[in-house]
Amino acid sequence: MSLRRQINKGDLNEINAAISKDNSLVNQVIKWGPLCKNHCHPLHYLCDLVFADKLDGQLAGEIANKLIEHGADVNGYGFEELKDTPLITAASLHADEVALVLIEAGADIHHGGLFGGTALHWAAWCGRDKVVKRLLQEEIDLDRRCISHQSTAFFWAAHGIAQGGEKNQNNQIECARMLKDAGADITIPNAENITARELLKDNIAFIELLNT
């Protein structure tokens, strides 16, 4: 048994009733997708639904808060190198409200998930300025490089503009601005020795940001 049906319906009353009866459900694996081959923590599942436009982001945040109140582990099933926590999932799947709830609840902000990117890397790449702004209120390494590409969060913001695809065109410029203003080194290249300036040399708005 899991909370999949109640979460799919987005019914807070049903979710509350279920977890009040059995609060172990807040950490119970949810199986979904073709032949239920996808297995994830309920907090992760919320983000998948938000990204698929099957659940309102604000409501997902409210559900996340309710699950955490009943004992959901904000870090999911723990830490494994190159594996995403719920916070990284939220940052990378445009589930801003879930991400904000998780940060407030004390989720680890330093773990490196897919490609070794932290929540800050992914929020910058996806242009989630609200999440970047909140993360910058914490003690965080602005110039930390991801594992796979040896890139900083600032470079990830630039890369999100260059190669993130249409759905991913959000507020990367503002994310880059906040990182720069916070003191991030905007000159650090990636593993191929390409800088953000070189990557987006034809992007007028980005170059103006670098020059201010």
C-alpha atoms as a PDB file:
ATOM      1  CA  MET A   1       0.000   0.000   0.000  1.00  0.00           C
ATOM      2  CA  SER A   2       1.160   3.547  -0.729  1.00  0.00           C
ATOM      3  CA  LEU A   3      -0.197   7.080  -1.030  1.00  0.00           C
ATOM      4  CA  ARG A   4      -0.149   7.021  -4.813  1.00  0.00           C
ATOM      5  CA  ARG A   5      -3.928   7.131  -5.285  1.00  0.00           C
ATOM      6  CA  GLN A   6      -4.485   9.927  -2.773  1.00  0.00           C
ATOM      7  CA  ILE A   7      -1.610  12.005  -4.149  1.00  0.00           C
ATOM      8  CA  ASN A   8      -2.818  11.496  -7.715  1.00  0.00           C
ATOM      9  CA  LYS A   9      -6.180  12.920  -6.677  1.00  0.00           C
ATOM     10  CA  GLY A  10      -4.514  15.826  -4.911  1.00  0.00           C
ATOM     11  CA  ASP A  11      -6.946  15.387  -2.036  1.00  0.00           C
ATOM     12  CA  LEU A  12      -5.411  16.696   1.194  1.00  0.00           C
ATOM     13  CA  ASN A  13      -8.294  15.359   3.265  1.00  0.00           C
ATOM     14  CA  GLU A  14      -7.809  11.840   1.952  1.00  0.00           C
ATOM     15  CA  ILE A  15      -4.055  12.073   2.376  1.00  0.00           C
ATOM     16  CA  ASN A  16      -4.456  13.290   5.950  1.00  0.00           C
ATOM     17  CA  ALA A  17      -6.909  10.520   6.755  1.00  0.00           C
ATOM     18  CA  ALA A  18      -4.600   7.861   5.339  1.00  0.00           C
ATOM     19  CA  ILE A  19      -1.449   9.005   7.110  1.00  0.00           C
ATOM     20  CA  SER A  20      -3.284   9.649  10.364  1.00  0.00           C
ATOM     21  CA  LYS A  21      -4.316   6.019  10.291  1.00  0.00           C
ATOM     22  CA  ASP A  22      -0.864   4.756   9.221  1.00  0.00           C
ATOM     23  CA  ASN A  23       1.932   7.307   9.265  1.00  0.00           C
ATOM     24  CA  SER A  24       4.427   4.782   7.865  1.00  0.00           C
ATOM     25  CA  LEU A  25       2.858   5.610   4.500  1.00  0.00           C
ATOM     26  CA  VAL A  26       4.763   8.912   4.388  1.00  0.00           C
ATOM     27  CA  ASN A  27       7.968   6.977   3.699  1.00  0.00           C
ATOM     28  CA  GLN A  28       6.454   4.072   1.773  1.00  0.00           C
ATOM     29  CA  VAL A  29       7.851   3.499  -1.732  1.00  0.00           C
ATOM     30  CA  ILE A  30       5.509   4.574  -4.520  1.00  0.00           C
ATOM     31  CA  LYS A  31       5.626   2.459  -7.665  1.00  0.00           C
ATOM     32  CA  TRP A  32       4.475   4.090 -10.873  1.00  0.00           C
ATOM     33  CA  GLY A  33       4.938   4.346 -14.618  1.00  0.00           C
ATOM     34  CA  PRO A  34       4.792   1.543 -17.209  1.00  0.00           C
ATOM     35  CA  LEU A  35       4.573  -1.752 -15.341  1.00  0.00           C
ATOM     36  CA  CYS A  36       5.268   0.263 -12.168  1.00  0.00           C
ATOM     37  CA  LYS A  37       8.987   0.135 -12.893  1.00  0.00           C
ATOM     38  CA  ASN A  38       9.606   3.518 -11.268  1.00  0.00           C
ATOM     39  CA  HIS A  39      10.103   3.376  -7.519  1.00  0.00           C
ATOM     40  CA  CYS A  40      10.459   6.533  -5.432  1.00  0.00           C
ATOM     41  CA  HIS A  41       9.807   8.270  -2.142  1.00  0.00           C
ATOM     42  CA  PRO A  42       6.441  10.086  -1.816  1.00  0.00           C
ATOM     43  CA  LEU A  43       8.205  13.480  -1.691  1.00  0.00           C
ATOM     44  CA  HIS A  44       9.952  12.610  -4.951  1.00  0.00           C
ATOM     45  CA  TYR A  45       6.680  11.459  -6.500  1.00  0.00           C
ATOM     46  CA  LEU A  46       5.066  14.832  -5.854  1.00  0.00           C
ATOM     47  CA  CYS A  47       7.740  16.464  -7.998  1.00  0.00           C
ATOM     48  CA  ASP A  48       7.234  14.031 -10.853  1.00  0.00           C
ATOM     49  CA  LEU A  49       3.539  14.947 -10.937  1.00  0.00           C
ATOM     50  CA  VAL A  50       4.288  18.673 -10.885  1.00  0.00           C
ATOM     51  CA  PHE A  51       6.708  18.310 -13.794  1.00  0.00           C
ATOM     52  CA  ALA A  52       4.114  16.306 -15.739  1.00  0.00           C
ATOM     53  CA  ASP A  53       1.525  19.046 -15.095  1.00  0.00           C
ATOM     54  CA  LYS A  54      -0.624  16.560 -13.183  1.00  0.00           C
ATOM     55  CA  LEU A  55      -0.430  18.331  -9.840  1.00  0.00           C
ATOM     56  CA  ASP A  56      -0.491  22.037  -8.988  1.00  0.00           C
ATOM     57  CA  GLY A  57       2.819  23.200  -7.573  1.00  0.00           C
ATOM     58  CA  GLN A  58       1.294  25.069  -4.629  1.00  0.00           C
ATOM     59  CA  LEU A  59      -0.808  22.052  -3.695  1.00  0.00           C
ATOM     60  CA  ALA A  60       2.263  19.814  -3.990  1.00  0.00           C
ATOM     61  CA  GLY A  61       4.012  22.047  -1.463  1.00  0.00           C
ATOM     62  CA  GLU A  62       1.070  21.746   0.917  1.00  0.00           C
ATOM     63  CA  ILE A  63       1.085  17.972   0.552  1.00  0.00           C
ATOM     64  CA  ALA A  64       4.838  17.859   1.127  1.00  0.00           C
ATOM     65  CA  ASN A  65       4.416  19.868   4.305  1.00  0.00           C
ATOM     66  CA  LYS A  66       1.691  17.526   5.510  1.00  0.00           C
ATOM     67  CA  LEU A  67       3.843  14.458   4.828  1.00  0.00           C
ATOM     68  CA  ILE A  68       6.781  15.980   6.694  1.00  0.00           C
ATOM     69  CA  GLU A  69       4.542  16.835   9.649  1.00  0.00           C
ATOM     70  CA  HIS A  70       3.712  13.125   9.847  1.00  0.00           C
ATOM     71  CA  GLY A  71       7.337  11.980   9.707  1.00  0.00           C
ATOM     72  CA  ALA A  72       8.391  11.897   6.056  1.00  0.00           C
ATOM     73  CA  ASP A  73      12.187  11.912   5.798  1.00  0.00           C
ATOM     74  CA  VAL A  74      13.125  15.149   4.042  1.00  0.00           C
ATOM     75  CA  ASN A  75      16.137  13.393   2.524  1.00  0.00           C
ATOM     76  CA  GLY A  76      14.118  10.494   1.164  1.00  0.00           C
ATOM     77  CA  TYR A  77      15.950   7.216   1.490  1.00  0.00           C
ATOM     78  CA  GLY A  78      19.319   8.715   2.351  1.00  0.00           C
ATOM     79  CA  PHE A  79      22.370   9.668   0.348  1.00  0.00           C
ATOM     80  CA  GLU A  80      23.976   7.832  -2.544  1.00  0.00           C
ATOM     81  CA  GLU A  81      26.509   9.462  -4.818  1.00  0.00           C
ATOM     82  CA  LEU A  82      24.986  10.701  -8.079  1.00  0.00           C
ATOM     83  CA  LYS A  83      21.471   9.849  -6.833  1.00  0.00           C
ATOM     84  CA  ASP A  84      18.898  12.590  -6.314  1.00  0.00           C
ATOM     85  CA  THR A  85      17.342  13.445  -2.972  1.00  0.00           C
ATOM     86  CA  PRO A  86      13.802  14.858  -2.876  1.00  0.00           C
ATOM     87  CA  LEU A  87      15.270  18.380  -2.774  1.00  0.00           C
ATOM     88  CA  ILE A  88      17.348  17.858  -5.906  1.00  0.00           C
ATOM     89  CA  THR A  89      14.326  16.282  -7.553  1.00  0.00           C
ATOM     90  CA  ALA A  90      12.212  19.315  -6.662  1.00  0.00           C
ATOM     91  CA  ALA A  91      14.862  21.721  -7.949  1.00  0.00           C
ATOM     92  CA  SER A  92      15.219  19.836 -11.231  1.00  0.00           C
ATOM     93  CA  LEU A  93      11.529  19.149 -11.878  1.00  0.00           C
ATOM     94  CA  HIS A  94      10.240  22.703 -11.400  1.00  0.00           C
ATOM     95  CA  ALA A  95       8.522  21.846  -8.102  1.00  0.00           C
ATOM     96  CA  ASP A  96       9.480  25.137  -6.447  1.00  0.00           C
ATOM     97  CA  GLU A  97       7.044  24.999  -3.543  1.00  0.00           C
ATOM     98  CA  VAL A  98       8.133  21.486  -2.622  1.00  0.00           C
ATOM     99  CA  ALA A  99      11.762  22.599  -2.717  1.00  0.00           C
ATOM    100  CA  LEU A 100      11.044  25.554  -0.434  1.00  0.00           C
ATOM    101  CA  VAL A 101       9.192  23.341   2.044  1.00  0.00           C
ATOM    102  CA  LEU A 102      12.076  20.858   2.072  1.00  0.00           C
ATOM    103  CA  ILE A 103      14.701  23.547   2.670  1.00  0.00           C
ATOM    104  CA  GLU A 104      12.682  25.010   5.528  1.00  0.00           C
ATOM    105  CA  ALA A 105      12.348  21.509   6.994  1.00  0.00           C
ATOM    106  CA  GLY A 106      16.112  21.041   7.035  1.00  0.00           C
ATOM    107  CA  ALA A 107      16.772  18.962   3.927  1.00  0.00           C
ATOM    108  CA  ASP A 108      20.447  18.536   3.075  1.00  0.00           C
ATOM    109  CA  ILE A 109      21.449  21.175   0.520  1.00  0.00           C
ATOM    110  CA  HIS A 110      24.980  19.916  -0.119  1.00  0.00           C
ATOM    111  CA  HIS A 111      24.445  16.448  -1.593  1.00  0.00           C
ATOM    112  CA  GLY A 112      25.366  15.931  -5.229  1.00  0.00           C
ATOM    113  CA  GLY A 113      22.798  14.003  -7.252  1.00  0.00           C
ATOM    114  CA  LEU A 114      22.672  13.306 -10.993  1.00  0.00           C
ATOM    115  CA  PHE A 115      25.951  14.445 -12.616  1.00  0.00           C
ATOM    116  CA  GLY A 116      27.046  15.405  -9.107  1.00  0.00           C
ATOM    117  CA  GLY A 117      24.943  18.548  -9.272  1.00  0.00           C
ATOM    118  CA  THR A 118      23.586  19.953  -6.026  1.00  0.00           C
ATOM    119  CA  ALA A 119      20.164  21.507  -5.567  1.00  0.00           C
ATOM    120  CA  LEU A 120      21.787  24.873  -6.345  1.00  0.00           C
ATOM    121  CA  HIS A 121      23.187  23.564  -9.634  1.00  0.00           C
ATOM    122  CA  TRP A 122      19.839  22.157 -10.698  1.00  0.00           C
ATOM    123  CA  ALA A 123      17.791  25.164  -9.620  1.00  0.00           C
ATOM    124  CA  ALA A 124      20.153  27.407 -11.595  1.00  0.00           C
ATOM    125  CA  TRP A 125      20.012  25.154 -14.677  1.00  0.00           C
ATOM    126  CA  CYS A 126      16.218  25.117 -14.571  1.00  0.00           C
ATOM    127  CA  GLY A 127      15.925  28.832 -13.883  1.00  0.00           C
ATOM    128  CA  ARG A 128      14.070  28.375 -10.600  1.00  0.00           C
ATOM    129  CA  ASP A 129      14.921  31.769  -9.159  1.00  0.00           C
ATOM    130  CA  LYS A 130      12.786  31.383  -6.023  1.00  0.00           C
ATOM    131  CA  VAL A 131      14.687  28.238  -5.100  1.00  0.00           C
ATOM    132  CA  VAL A 132      18.085  29.771  -5.876  1.00  0.00           C
ATOM    133  CA  LYS A 133      17.198  32.815  -3.764  1.00  0.00           C
ATOM    134  CA  ARG A 134      16.246  30.605  -0.813  1.00  0.00           C
ATOM    135  CA  LEU A 135      19.348  28.415  -1.128  1.00  0.00           C
ATOM    136  CA  LEU A 136      21.561  31.502  -1.120  1.00  0.00           C
ATOM    137  CA  GLN A 137      20.255  32.287   2.356  1.00  0.00           C
ATOM    138  CA  GLU A 138      22.089  29.183   3.594  1.00  0.00           C
ATOM    139  CA  GLU A 139      25.796  28.532   4.078  1.00  0.00           C
ATOM    140  CA  ILE A 140      26.571  27.126   0.652  1.00  0.00           C
ATOM    141  CA  ASP A 141      29.597  26.743  -1.612  1.00  0.00           C
ATOM    142  CA  LEU A 142      28.884  29.076  -4.520  1.00  0.00           C
ATOM    143  CA  ASP A 143      31.759  27.760  -6.638  1.00  0.00           C
ATOM    144  CA  ARG A 144      31.357  24.044  -6.044  1.00  0.00           C
ATOM    145  CA  ARG A 145      31.791  22.087  -9.256  1.00  0.00           C
ATOM    146  CA  CYS A 146      29.594  19.187 -10.266  1.00  0.00           C
ATOM    147  CA  ILE A 147      31.258  15.812 -10.755  1.00  0.00           C
ATOM    148  CA  SER A 148      30.490  14.974 -14.370  1.00  0.00           C
ATOM    149  CA  HIS A 149      31.156  18.348 -16.014  1.00  0.00           C
ATOM    150  CA  GLN A 150      33.242  20.168 -13.397  1.00  0.00           C
ATOM    151  CA  SER A 151      30.865  23.110 -13.698  1.00  0.00           C
ATOM    152  CA  THR A 152      29.664  25.634 -11.138  1.00  0.00           C
ATOM    153  CA  ALA A 153      26.045  26.578 -10.527  1.00  0.00           C
ATOM    154  CA  PHE A 154      26.694  29.818 -12.436  1.00  0.00           C
ATOM    155  CA  PHE A 155      27.840  27.843 -15.478  1.00  0.00           C
ATOM    156  CA  TRP A 156      24.815  25.558 -15.105  1.00  0.00           C
ATOM    157  CA  ALA A 157      22.551  28.621 -15.338  1.00  0.00           C
ATOM    158  CA  ALA A 158      24.235  29.564 -18.616  1.00  0.00           C
ATOM    159  CA  HIS A 159      24.058  25.995 -19.892  1.00  0.00           C
ATOM    160  CA  GLY A 160      20.341  25.863 -19.068  1.00  0.00           C
ATOM    161  CA  ILE A 161      19.817  28.779 -21.432  1.00  0.00           C
ATOM    162  CA  ALA A 162      22.014  27.293 -24.135  1.00  0.00           C
ATOM    163  CA  GLN A 163      20.880  23.682 -24.072  1.00  0.00           C
ATOM    164  CA  GLY A 164      18.022  23.307 -21.614  1.00  0.00           C
ATOM    165  CA  GLY A 165      15.273  23.083 -24.200  1.00  0.00           C
ATOM    166  CA  GLU A 166      12.054  25.052 -24.556  1.00  0.00           C
ATOM    167  CA  LYS A 167      10.324  23.846 -21.378  1.00  0.00           C
ATOM    168  CA  ASN A 168      13.393  24.737 -19.387  1.00  0.00           C
ATOM    169  CA  GLN A 169      13.545  28.390 -20.433  1.00  0.00           C
ATOM    170  CA  ASN A 170      12.627  30.084 -17.194  1.00  0.00           C
ATOM    171  CA  ASN A 171      14.570  32.615 -15.108  1.00  0.00           C
ATOM    172  CA  GLN A 172      18.175  31.518 -15.614  1.00  0.00           C
ATOM    173  CA  ILE A 173      19.300  35.117 -16.138  1.00  0.00           C
ATOM    174  CA  GLU A 174      17.958  36.104 -12.732  1.00  0.00           C
ATOM    175  CA  CYS A 175      19.525  32.999 -11.176  1.00  0.00           C
ATOM    176  CA  ALA A 176      22.869  33.946 -12.691  1.00  0.00           C
ATOM    177  CA  ARG A 177      22.450  37.508 -11.447  1.00  0.00           C
ATOM    178  CA  MET A 178      21.788  36.370  -7.896  1.00  0.00           C
ATOM    179  CA  LEU A 179      24.773  34.019  -7.942  1.00  0.00           C
ATOM    180  CA  LYS A 180      27.025  36.769  -9.287  1.00  0.00           C
ATOM    181  CA  ASP A 181      25.778  39.258  -6.696  1.00  0.00           C
ATOM    182  CA  ALA A 182      26.326  36.680  -3.950  1.00  0.00           C
ATOM    183  CA  GLY A 183      29.985  36.433  -4.945  1.00  0.00           C
ATOM    184  CA  ALA A 184      30.135  33.447  -7.289  1.00  0.00           C
ATOM    185  CA  ASP A 185      33.218  33.327  -9.523  1.00  0.00           C
ATOM    186  CA  ILE A 186      31.731  33.807 -12.998  1.00  0.00           C
ATOM    187  CA  THR A 187      35.011  33.015 -14.769  1.00  0.00           C
ATOM    188  CA  ILE A 188      35.371  29.347 -13.717  1.00  0.00           C
ATOM    189  CA  PRO A 189      35.268  27.146 -16.861  1.00  0.00           C
ATOM    190  CA  ASN A 190      33.816  23.666 -17.209  1.00  0.00           C
ATOM    191  CA  ALA A 191      35.792  20.477 -17.808  1.00  0.00           C
ATOM    192  CA  GLU A 192      36.254  21.464 -21.470  1.00  0.00           C
ATOM    193  CA  ASN A 193      37.728  24.812 -20.393  1.00  0.00           C
ATOM    194  CA  ILE A 194      34.702  26.744 -21.661  1.00  0.00           C
ATOM    195  CA  THR A 195      33.465  29.672 -19.592  1.00  0.00           C
ATOM    196  CA  ALA A 196      29.887  30.859 -19.268  1.00  0.00           C
ATOM    197  CA  ARG A 197      30.830  33.978 -21.257  1.00  0.00           C
ATOM    198  CA  GLU A 198      32.120  31.848 -24.125  1.00  0.00           C
ATOM    199  CA  LEU A 199      29.105  29.551 -24.011  1.00  0.00           C
ATOM    200  CA  LEU A 200      26.649  32.450 -24.326  1.00  0.00           C
ATOM    201  CA  LYS A 201      28.760  34.964 -26.226  1.00  0.00           C
ATOM    202  CA  ASP A 202      25.818  35.784 -28.522  1.00  0.00           C
ATOM    203  CA  ASN A 203      23.247  36.168 -25.736  1.00  0.00           C
ATOM    204  CA  ILE A 204      22.943  39.926 -25.264  1.00  0.00           C
ATOM    205  CA  ALA A 205      21.107  39.798 -21.932  1.00  0.00           C
ATOM    206  CA  PHE A 206      23.591  37.390 -20.429  1.00  0.00           C
ATOM    207  CA  ILE A 207      26.639  39.336 -21.636  1.00  0.00           C
ATOM    208  CA  GLU A 208      25.133  42.542 -20.233  1.00  0.00           C
ATOM    209  CA  LEU A 209      24.766  40.758 -16.895  1.00  0.00           C
ATOM    210  CA  LEU A 210      28.427  39.752 -16.970  1.00  0.00           C
ATOM    211  CA  ASN A 211      29.530  43.281 -17.770  1.00  0.00           C
ATOM    212  CA  THR A 212      27.588  45.044 -15.022  1.00  0.00           C
END
